[in-house]
Amino acid sequence: TIAWELIAQYEYPYDVLPHIGEFIVKLGESLPADRFEKRG
């Protein structure tokens, strides 16, 4: 998963849930423009 960096920070899966949104924003800004496009 593209999100393993986030999941690996926590021991249990329920501790990951509050951080999904902020992780997406941070990761999204670093995604390569030749493979991803930002919409909205």
All heavy atoms as atom14 arrays in JSON, in Angstrom:
{
  "sequence": "TIAWELIAQYEYPYDVLPHIGEFIVKLGESLPADRFEKRG",
  "atom14_mask": [
    [1, 1, 1, 1, 1, 1, 1, 0, 0, 0, 0, 0, 0, 0],
    [1, 1, 1, 1, 1, 1, 1, 1, 0, 0, 0, 0, 0, 0],
    [1, 1, 1, 1, 1, 0, 0, 0, 0, 0, 0, 0, 0, 0],
    [1, 1, 1, 1, 1, 1, 1, 1, 1, 1, 1, 1, 1, 1],
    [1, 1, 1, 1, 1, 1, 1, 1, 1, 0, 0, 0, 0, 0],
    [1, 1, 1, 1, 1, 1, 1, 1, 0, 0, 0, 0, 0, 0],
    [1, 1, 1, 1, 1, 1, 1, 1, 0, 0, 0, 0, 0, 0],
    [1, 1, 1, 1, 1, 0, 0, 0, 0, 0, 0, 0, 0, 0],
    [1, 1, 1, 1, 1, 1, 1, 1, 1, 0, 0, 0, 0, 0],
    [1, 1, 1, 1, 1, 1, 1, 1, 1, 1, 1, 1, 0, 0],
    [1, 1, 1, 1, 1, 1, 1, 1, 1, 0, 0, 0, 0, 0],
    [1, 1, 1, 1, 1, 1, 1, 1, 1, 1, 1, 1, 0, 0],
    [1, 1, 1, 1, 1, 1, 1, 0, 0, 0, 0, 0, 0, 0],
    [1, 1, 1, 1, 1, 1, 1, 1, 1, 1, 1, 1, 0, 0],
    [1, 1, 1, 1, 1, 1, 1, 1, 0, 0, 0, 0, 0, 0],
    [1, 1, 1, 1, 1, 1, 1, 0, 0, 0, 0, 0, 0, 0],
    [1, 1, 1, 1, 1, 1, 1, 1, 0, 0, 0, 0, 0, 0],
    [1, 1, 1, 1, 1, 1, 1, 0, 0, 0, 0, 0, 0, 0],
    [1, 1, 1, 1, 1, 1, 1, 1, 1, 1, 0, 0, 0, 0],
    [1, 1, 1, 1, 1, 1, 1, 1, 0, 0, 0, 0, 0, 0],
    [1, 1, 1, 1, 0, 0, 0, 0, 0, 0, 0, 0, 0, 0],
    [1, 1, 1, 1, 1, 1, 1, 1, 1, 0, 0, 0, 0, 0],
    [1, 1, 1, 1, 1, 1, 1, 1, 1, 1, 1, 0, 0, 0],
    [1, 1, 1, 1, 1, 1, 1, 1, 0, 0, 0, 0, 0, 0],
    [1, 1, 1, 1, 1, 1, 1, 0, 0, 0, 0, 0, 0, 0],
    [1, 1, 1, 1, 1, 1, 1, 1, 1, 0, 0, 0, 0, 0],
    [1, 1, 1, 1, 1, 1, 1, 1, 0, 0, 0, 0, 0, 0],
    [1, 1, 1, 1, 0, 0, 0, 0, 0, 0, 0, 0, 0, 0],
    [1, 1, 1, 1, 1, 1, 1, 1, 1, 0, 0, 0, 0, 0],
    [1, 1, 1, 1, 1, 1, 0, 0, 0, 0, 0, 0, 0, 0],
    [1, 1, 1, 1, 1, 1, 1, 1, 0, 0, 0, 0, 0, 0],
    [1, 1, 1, 1, 1, 1, 1, 0, 0, 0, 0, 0, 0, 0],
    [1, 1, 1, 1, 1, 0, 0, 0, 0, 0, 0, 0, 0, 0],
    [1, 1, 1, 1, 1, 1, 1, 1, 0, 0, 0, 0, 0, 0],
    [1, 1, 1, 1, 1, 1, 1, 1, 1, 1, 1, 0, 0, 0],
    [1, 1, 1, 1, 1, 1, 1, 1, 1, 1, 1, 0, 0, 0],
    [1, 1, 1, 1, 1, 1, 1, 1, 1, 0, 0, 0, 0, 0],
    [1, 1, 1, 1, 1, 1, 1, 1, 1, 0, 0, 0, 0, 0],
    [1, 1, 1, 1, 1, 1, 1, 1, 1, 1, 1, 0, 0, 0],
    [1, 1, 1, 1, 0, 0, 0, 0, 0, 0, 0, 0, 0, 0]
  ],
  "atom14_positions": [
    [[0.84, -1.18, 0.0], [0.0, 0.0, 0.0], [0.88, 1.23, 0.0], [1.96, 1.24, 0.61], [-0.94, 0.05, 1.22], [-1.56, 1.34, 1.29], [-0.2, -0.21, 2.52], [0.0, 0.0, 0.0], [0.0, 0.0, 0.0], [0.0, 0.0, 0.0], [0.0, 0.0, 0.0], [0.0, 0.0, 0.0], [0.0, 0.0, 0.0], [0.0, 0.0, 0.0]],
    [[0.42, 2.26, -0.66], [1.13, 3.54, -0.68], [1.16, 4.16, 0.71], [1.93, 5.08, 0.99], [0.45, 4.47, -1.72], [1.38, 5.6, -2.12], [-0.87, 5.01, -1.19], [0.84, 6.41, -3.29], [0.0, 0.0, 0.0], [0.0, 0.0, 0.0], [0.0, 0.0, 0.0], [0.0, 0.0, 0.0], [0.0, 0.0, 0.0], [0.0, 0.0, 0.0]],
    [[0.32, 3.64, 1.61], [0.19, 4.2, 2.95], [0.97, 3.44, 4.01], [0.79, 3.69, 5.21], [-1.28, 4.24, 3.36], [0.0, 0.0, 0.0], [0.0, 0.0, 0.0], [0.0, 0.0, 0.0], [0.0, 0.0, 0.0], [0.0, 0.0, 0.0], [0.0, 0.0, 0.0], [0.0, 0.0, 0.0], [0.0, 0.0, 0.0], [0.0, 0.0, 0.0]],
    [[1.85, 2.51, 3.61], [2.55, 1.72, 4.62], [3.42, 2.58, 5.53], [3.59, 2.27, 6.72], [3.39, 0.62, 3.98], [3.96, -0.27, 5.05], [5.26, -0.35, 5.46], [3.22, -1.17, 5.89], [5.38, -1.24, 6.5], [4.14, -1.76, 6.78], [1.88, -1.54, 5.96], [3.75, -2.69, 7.75], [1.49, -2.47, 6.91], [2.42, -3.03, 7.8]],
    [[3.97, 3.66, 5.02], [4.77, 4.56, 5.85], [3.96, 5.05, 7.04], [4.48, 5.18, 8.16], [5.26, 5.74, 5.02], [6.07, 6.76, 5.79], [6.43, 7.98, 4.97], [6.27, 7.95, 3.74], [6.89, 8.97, 5.57], [0.0, 0.0, 0.0], [0.0, 0.0, 0.0], [0.0, 0.0, 0.0], [0.0, 0.0, 0.0], [0.0, 0.0, 0.0]],
    [[2.67, 5.33, 6.82], [1.79, 5.76, 7.9], [1.5, 4.6, 8.85], [1.64, 4.72, 10.08], [0.48, 6.31, 7.34], [-0.64, 6.55, 8.35], [-0.26, 7.65, 9.32], [-1.95, 6.88, 7.64], [0.0, 0.0, 0.0], [0.0, 0.0, 0.0], [0.0, 0.0, 0.0], [0.0, 0.0, 0.0], [0.0, 0.0, 0.0], [0.0, 0.0, 0.0]],
    [[1.1, 3.47, 8.3], [0.7, 2.32, 9.13], [1.86, 1.85, 10.01], [1.66, 1.5, 11.17], [0.19, 1.18, 8.22], [-1.09, 1.63, 7.5], [-0.07, -0.09, 9.02], [-1.53, 0.7, 6.39], [0.0, 0.0, 0.0], [0.0, 0.0, 0.0], [0.0, 0.0, 0.0], [0.0, 0.0, 0.0], [0.0, 0.0, 0.0], [0.0, 0.0, 0.0]],
    [[3.06, 1.88, 9.47], [4.23, 1.38, 10.19], [4.58, 2.23, 11.41], [5.33, 1.78, 12.29], [5.43, 1.31, 9.24], [0.0, 0.0, 0.0], [0.0, 0.0, 0.0], [0.0, 0.0, 0.0], [0.0, 0.0, 0.0], [0.0, 0.0, 0.0], [0.0, 0.0, 0.0], [0.0, 0.0, 0.0], [0.0, 0.0, 0.0], [0.0, 0.0, 0.0]],
    [[4.04, 3.43, 11.49], [4.31, 4.29, 12.63], [3.56, 3.86, 13.89], [3.89, 4.29, 15.0], [3.92, 5.74, 12.31], [4.74, 6.39, 11.22], [4.25, 7.8, 10.93], [3.91, 8.56, 11.83], [4.23, 8.15, 9.65], [0.0, 0.0, 0.0], [0.0, 0.0, 0.0], [0.0, 0.0, 0.0], [0.0, 0.0, 0.0], [0.0, 0.0, 0.0]],
    [[2.55, 3.0, 13.72], [1.68, 2.65, 14.83], [1.64, 1.14, 15.04], [1.73, 0.36, 14.09], [0.26, 3.19, 14.58], [0.25, 4.68, 14.42], [0.31, 5.26, 13.15], [0.22, 5.52, 15.53], [0.34, 6.64, 13.0], [0.25, 6.9, 15.38], [0.31, 7.46, 14.12], [0.34, 8.82, 13.98], [0.0, 0.0, 0.0], [0.0, 0.0, 0.0]],
    [[1.46, 0.74, 16.28], [1.44, -0.69, 16.59], [0.11, -1.33, 16.21], [0.07, -2.46, 15.73], [1.72, -0.92, 18.07], [1.87, -2.38, 18.45], [2.34, -2.58, 19.87], [2.35, -1.59, 20.64], [2.67, -3.73, 20.23], [0.0, 0.0, 0.0], [0.0, 0.0, 0.0], [0.0, 0.0, 0.0], [0.0, 0.0, 0.0], [0.0, 0.0, 0.0]],
    [[-0.98, -0.58, 16.41], [-2.31, -1.14, 16.2], [-3.07, -0.38, 15.12], [-2.91, 0.83, 14.98], [-3.11, -1.11, 17.51], [-2.49, -1.96, 18.59], [-1.77, -1.38, 19.64], [-2.6, -3.35, 18.56], [-1.19, -2.16, 20.62], [-2.03, -4.14, 19.55], [-1.32, -3.54, 20.57], [-0.74, -4.32, 21.54], [0.0, 0.0, 0.0], [0.0, 0.0, 0.0]],
    [[-3.92, -1.07, 14.36], [-4.6, -0.41, 13.23], [-5.54, 0.71, 13.63], [-5.68, 1.69, 12.9], [-5.35, -1.56, 12.55], [-5.42, -2.65, 13.56], [-4.21, -2.51, 14.41], [0.0, 0.0, 0.0], [0.0, 0.0, 0.0], [0.0, 0.0, 0.0], [0.0, 0.0, 0.0], [0.0, 0.0, 0.0], [0.0, 0.0, 0.0], [0.0, 0.0, 0.0]],
    [[-6.18, 0.59, 14.79], [-7.12, 1.64, 15.19], [-6.42, 2.96, 15.48], [-7.03, 4.03, 15.42], [-7.98, 1.19, 16.37], [-7.24, 0.53, 17.5], [-6.57, 1.27, 18.47], [-7.21, -0.86, 17.6], [-5.89, 0.65, 19.51], [-6.55, -1.49, 18.65], [-5.89, -0.73, 19.6], [-5.21, -1.36, 20.62], [0.0, 0.0, 0.0], [0.0, 0.0, 0.0]],
    [[-5.12, 2.9, 15.78], [-4.37, 4.15, 16.01], [-4.03, 4.87, 14.71], [-3.65, 6.05, 14.73], [-3.09, 3.86, 16.79], [-3.36, 3.44, 18.22], [-4.35, 3.93, 18.8], [-2.6, 2.61, 18.76], [0.0, 0.0, 0.0], [0.0, 0.0, 0.0], [0.0, 0.0, 0.0], [0.0, 0.0, 0.0], [0.0, 0.0, 0.0], [0.0, 0.0, 0.0]],
    [[-4.15, 4.16, 13.59], [-3.88, 4.77, 12.28], [-5.03, 5.67, 11.84], [-4.83, 6.7, 11.18], [-3.64, 3.67, 11.23], [-3.45, 4.27, 9.83], [-2.44, 2.8, 11.6], [0.0, 0.0, 0.0], [0.0, 0.0, 0.0], [0.0, 0.0, 0.0], [0.0, 0.0, 0.0], [0.0, 0.0, 0.0], [0.0, 0.0, 0.0], [0.0, 0.0, 0.0]],
    [[-6.25, 5.3, 12.21], [-7.45, 5.92, 11.65], [-7.51, 7.44, 11.77], [-7.91, 8.12, 10.82], [-8.7, 5.29, 12.27], [-8.89, 3.79, 11.99], [-10.08, 3.25, 12.79], [-9.1, 3.55, 10.5], [0.0, 0.0, 0.0], [0.0, 0.0, 0.0], [0.0, 0.0, 0.0], [0.0, 0.0, 0.0], [0.0, 0.0, 0.0], [0.0, 0.0, 0.0]],
    [[-7.11, 8.05, 12.89], [-7.24, 9.51, 13.0], [-6.28, 10.29, 12.1], [-6.43, 11.51, 11.96], [-6.92, 9.79, 14.48], [-6.98, 8.49, 15.18], [-6.63, 7.46, 14.16], [0.0, 0.0, 0.0], [0.0, 0.0, 0.0], [0.0, 0.0, 0.0], [0.0, 0.0, 0.0], [0.0, 0.0, 0.0], [0.0, 0.0, 0.0], [0.0, 0.0, 0.0]],
    [[-5.32, 9.61, 11.49], [-4.25, 10.31, 10.78], [-4.3, 10.14, 9.26], [-3.42, 10.63, 8.56], [-2.9, 9.81, 11.3], [-2.76, 9.88, 12.79], [-2.62, 11.08, 13.46], [-2.79, 8.91, 13.74], [-2.55, 10.85, 14.77], [-2.64, 9.54, 14.96], [0.0, 0.0, 0.0], [0.0, 0.0, 0.0], [0.0, 0.0, 0.0], [0.0, 0.0, 0.0]],
    [[-5.32, 9.47, 8.76], [-5.37, 9.18, 7.33], [-5.46, 10.47, 6.5], [-4.74, 10.64, 5.51], [-6.55, 8.24, 7.0], [-6.31, 6.87, 7.66], [-6.72, 8.09, 5.49], [-7.47, 5.91, 7.5], [0.0, 0.0, 0.0], [0.0, 0.0, 0.0], [0.0, 0.0, 0.0], [0.0, 0.0, 0.0], [0.0, 0.0, 0.0], [0.0, 0.0, 0.0]],
    [[-6.32, 11.36, 6.9], [-6.52, 12.59, 6.13], [-5.27, 13.43, 6.01], [-4.87, 13.85, 4.91], [0.0, 0.0, 0.0], [0.0, 0.0, 0.0], [0.0, 0.0, 0.0], [0.0, 0.0, 0.0], [0.0, 0.0, 0.0], [0.0, 0.0, 0.0], [0.0, 0.0, 0.0], [0.0, 0.0, 0.0], [0.0, 0.0, 0.0], [0.0, 0.0, 0.0]],
    [[-4.61, 13.69, 7.12], [-3.4, 14.52, 7.08], [-2.28, 13.83, 6.31], [-1.49, 14.49, 5.62], [-2.95, 14.86, 8.5], [-2.61, 13.67, 9.36], [-2.28, 14.06, 10.79], [-1.62, 15.11, 10.99], [-2.65, 13.32, 11.72], [0.0, 0.0, 0.0], [0.0, 0.0, 0.0], [0.0, 0.0, 0.0], [0.0, 0.0, 0.0], [0.0, 0.0, 0.0]],
    [[-2.22, 12.5, 6.4], [-1.21, 11.77, 5.64], [-1.45, 11.91, 4.14], [-0.49, 12.09, 3.37], [-1.24, 10.29, 6.03], [-0.31, 9.43, 5.21], [1.05, 9.42, 5.48], [-0.79, 8.66, 4.16], [1.92, 8.64, 4.71], [0.06, 7.88, 3.4], [1.42, 7.87, 3.67], [0.0, 0.0, 0.0], [0.0, 0.0, 0.0], [0.0, 0.0, 0.0]],
    [[-2.7, 11.84, 3.72], [-3.02, 11.98, 2.3], [-2.55, 13.33, 1.77], [-1.95, 13.42, 0.69], [-4.53, 11.8, 2.07], [-4.94, 10.34, 2.3], [-4.92, 12.23, 0.65], [-6.43, 10.12, 2.28], [0.0, 0.0, 0.0], [0.0, 0.0, 0.0], [0.0, 0.0, 0.0], [0.0, 0.0, 0.0], [0.0, 0.0, 0.0], [0.0, 0.0, 0.0]],
    [[-2.84, 14.38, 2.5], [-2.46, 15.73, 2.05], [-0.95, 15.85, 1.92], [-0.42, 16.37, 0.93], [-3.01, 16.79, 3.01], [-2.49, 18.18, 2.64], [-4.54, 16.78, 3.0], [0.0, 0.0, 0.0], [0.0, 0.0, 0.0], [0.0, 0.0, 0.0], [0.0, 0.0, 0.0], [0.0, 0.0, 0.0], [0.0, 0.0, 0.0], [0.0, 0.0, 0.0]],
    [[-0.23, 15.34, 2.91], [1.23, 15.39, 2.87], [1.79, 14.57, 1.72], [2.66, 15.03, 0.97], [1.79, 14.9, 4.2], [3.31, 14.93, 4.27], [3.81, 14.43, 5.62], [5.32, 14.41, 5.68], [5.83, 13.89, 6.99], [0.0, 0.0, 0.0], [0.0, 0.0, 0.0], [0.0, 0.0, 0.0], [0.0, 0.0, 0.0], [0.0, 0.0, 0.0]],
    [[1.29, 13.33, 1.57], [1.79, 12.46, 0.51], [1.4, 12.98, -0.87], [2.19, 12.95, -1.82], [1.26, 11.05, 0.7], [1.65, 10.02, -0.37], [3.17, 9.84, -0.41], [0.96, 8.68, -0.11], [0.0, 0.0, 0.0], [0.0, 0.0, 0.0], [0.0, 0.0, 0.0], [0.0, 0.0, 0.0], [0.0, 0.0, 0.0], [0.0, 0.0, 0.0]],
    [[0.18, 13.46, -0.98], [-0.31, 13.92, -2.28], [0.54, 14.99, -2.91], [0.79, 14.99, -4.12], [0.0, 0.0, 0.0], [0.0, 0.0, 0.0], [0.0, 0.0, 0.0], [0.0, 0.0, 0.0], [0.0, 0.0, 0.0], [0.0, 0.0, 0.0], [0.0, 0.0, 0.0], [0.0, 0.0, 0.0], [0.0, 0.0, 0.0], [0.0, 0.0, 0.0]],
    [[1.03, 15.9, -2.08], [1.85, 16.99, -2.61], [3.18, 16.49, -3.17], [3.82, 17.19, -3.96], [2.11, 18.02, -1.5], [0.86, 18.71, -0.97], [0.19, 19.63, -2.0], [0.79, 19.85, -3.08], [-0.91, 20.12, -1.71], [0.0, 0.0, 0.0], [0.0, 0.0, 0.0], [0.0, 0.0, 0.0], [0.0, 0.0, 0.0], [0.0, 0.0, 0.0]],
    [[3.59, 15.29, -2.79], [4.87, 14.76, -3.26], [4.72, 13.76, -4.41], [5.73, 13.27, -4.93], [5.6, 14.08, -2.1], [4.92, 12.89, -1.7], [0.0, 0.0, 0.0], [0.0, 0.0, 0.0], [0.0, 0.0, 0.0], [0.0, 0.0, 0.0], [0.0, 0.0, 0.0], [0.0, 0.0, 0.0], [0.0, 0.0, 0.0], [0.0, 0.0, 0.0]],
    [[3.5, 13.45, -4.81], [3.29, 12.47, -5.87], [3.78, 13.03, -7.21], [3.56, 14.21, -7.51], [1.82, 12.08, -5.97], [1.27, 11.29, -4.77], [-0.25, 11.11, -4.89], [1.96, 9.94, -4.64], [0.0, 0.0, 0.0], [0.0, 0.0, 0.0], [0.0, 0.0, 0.0], [0.0, 0.0, 0.0], [0.0, 0.0, 0.0], [0.0, 0.0, 0.0]],
    [[4.41, 12.2, -8.04], [4.99, 12.7, -9.3], [3.92, 13.17, -10.28], [2.94, 12.46, -10.54], [5.75, 11.48, -9.85], [5.14, 10.3, -9.17], [4.69, 10.77, -7.82], [0.0, 0.0, 0.0], [0.0, 0.0, 0.0], [0.0, 0.0, 0.0], [0.0, 0.0, 0.0], [0.0, 0.0, 0.0], [0.0, 0.0, 0.0], [0.0, 0.0, 0.0]],
    [[4.11, 14.35, -10.83], [3.12, 14.95, -11.73], [2.98, 14.19, -13.04], [1.95, 14.32, -13.72], [3.49, 16.41, -12.0], [0.0, 0.0, 0.0], [0.0, 0.0, 0.0], [0.0, 0.0, 0.0], [0.0, 0.0, 0.0], [0.0, 0.0, 0.0], [0.0, 0.0, 0.0], [0.0, 0.0, 0.0], [0.0, 0.0, 0.0], [0.0, 0.0, 0.0]],
    [[3.98, 13.41, -13.41], [3.87, 12.65, -14.65], [3.0, 11.4, -14.49], [2.61, 10.79, -15.48], [5.25, 12.26, -15.17], [6.02, 11.37, -14.2], [5.78, 11.5, -12.97], [6.84, 10.55, -14.66], [0.0, 0.0, 0.0], [0.0, 0.0, 0.0], [0.0, 0.0, 0.0], [0.0, 0.0, 0.0], [0.0, 0.0, 0.0], [0.0, 0.0, 0.0]],
    [[2.66, 11.05, -13.25], [1.85, 9.85, -13.01], [0.53, 10.15, -12.3], [-0.39, 9.33, -12.33], [2.64, 8.83, -12.2], [3.79, 8.21, -12.99], [4.83, 7.58, -12.08], [4.25, 6.74, -11.04], [4.87, 6.43, -9.9], [6.08, 6.91, -9.67], [4.28, 5.66, -9.02], [0.0, 0.0, 0.0], [0.0, 0.0, 0.0], [0.0, 0.0, 0.0]],
    [[0.45, 11.31, -11.65], [-0.76, 11.69, -10.91], [-1.17, 13.1, -11.29], [-0.34, 13.95, -11.59], [-0.51, 11.64, -9.4], [-0.38, 10.26, -8.83], [0.83, 9.58, -8.89], [-1.46, 9.64, -8.22], [0.97, 8.31, -8.36], [-1.34, 8.36, -7.69], [-0.13, 7.7, -7.76], [0.0, 0.0, 0.0], [0.0, 0.0, 0.0], [0.0, 0.0, 0.0]],
    [[-2.48, 13.33, -11.26], [-2.97, 14.68, -11.44], [-3.86, 15.06, -10.25], [-4.55, 14.2, -9.69], [-3.75, 14.83, -12.74], [-4.99, 13.97, -12.87], [-5.73, 14.27, -14.17], [-5.91, 15.46, -14.47], [-6.13, 13.31, -14.85], [0.0, 0.0, 0.0], [0.0, 0.0, 0.0], [0.0, 0.0, 0.0], [0.0, 0.0, 0.0], [0.0, 0.0, 0.0]],
    [[-3.81, 16.33, -9.89], [-4.61, 16.81, -8.78], [-5.91, 17.37, -9.32], [-5.94, 18.18, -10.25], [-3.86, 17.89, -8.0], [-4.57, 18.32, -6.72], [-3.74, 19.32, -5.94], [-4.46, 19.71, -4.65], [-3.69, 20.71, -3.87], [0.0, 0.0, 0.0], [0.0, 0.0, 0.0], [0.0, 0.0, 0.0], [0.0, 0.0, 0.0], [0.0, 0.0, 0.0]],
    [[-7.01, 16.91, -8.72], [-8.33, 17.39, -9.13], [-9.04, 17.95, -7.9], [-9.23, 17.25, -6.91], [-9.17, 16.26, -9.72], [-8.58, 15.6, -10.96], [-9.53, 14.56, -11.51], [-8.92, 13.74, -12.55], [-9.52, 12.73, -13.15], [-10.76, 12.39, -12.8], [-8.9, 12.03, -14.08], [0.0, 0.0, 0.0], [0.0, 0.0, 0.0], [0.0, 0.0, 0.0]],
    [[-9.47, 19.17, -7.98], [-10.18, 19.76, -6.85], [-9.29, 19.91, -5.64], [-8.06, 19.99, -5.74], [0.0, 0.0, 0.0], [0.0, 0.0, 0.0], [0.0, 0.0, 0.0], [0.0, 0.0, 0.0], [0.0, 0.0, 0.0], [0.0, 0.0, 0.0], [0.0, 0.0, 0.0], [0.0, 0.0, 0.0], [0.0, 0.0, 0.0], [0.0, 0.0, 0.0]]
  ]
}
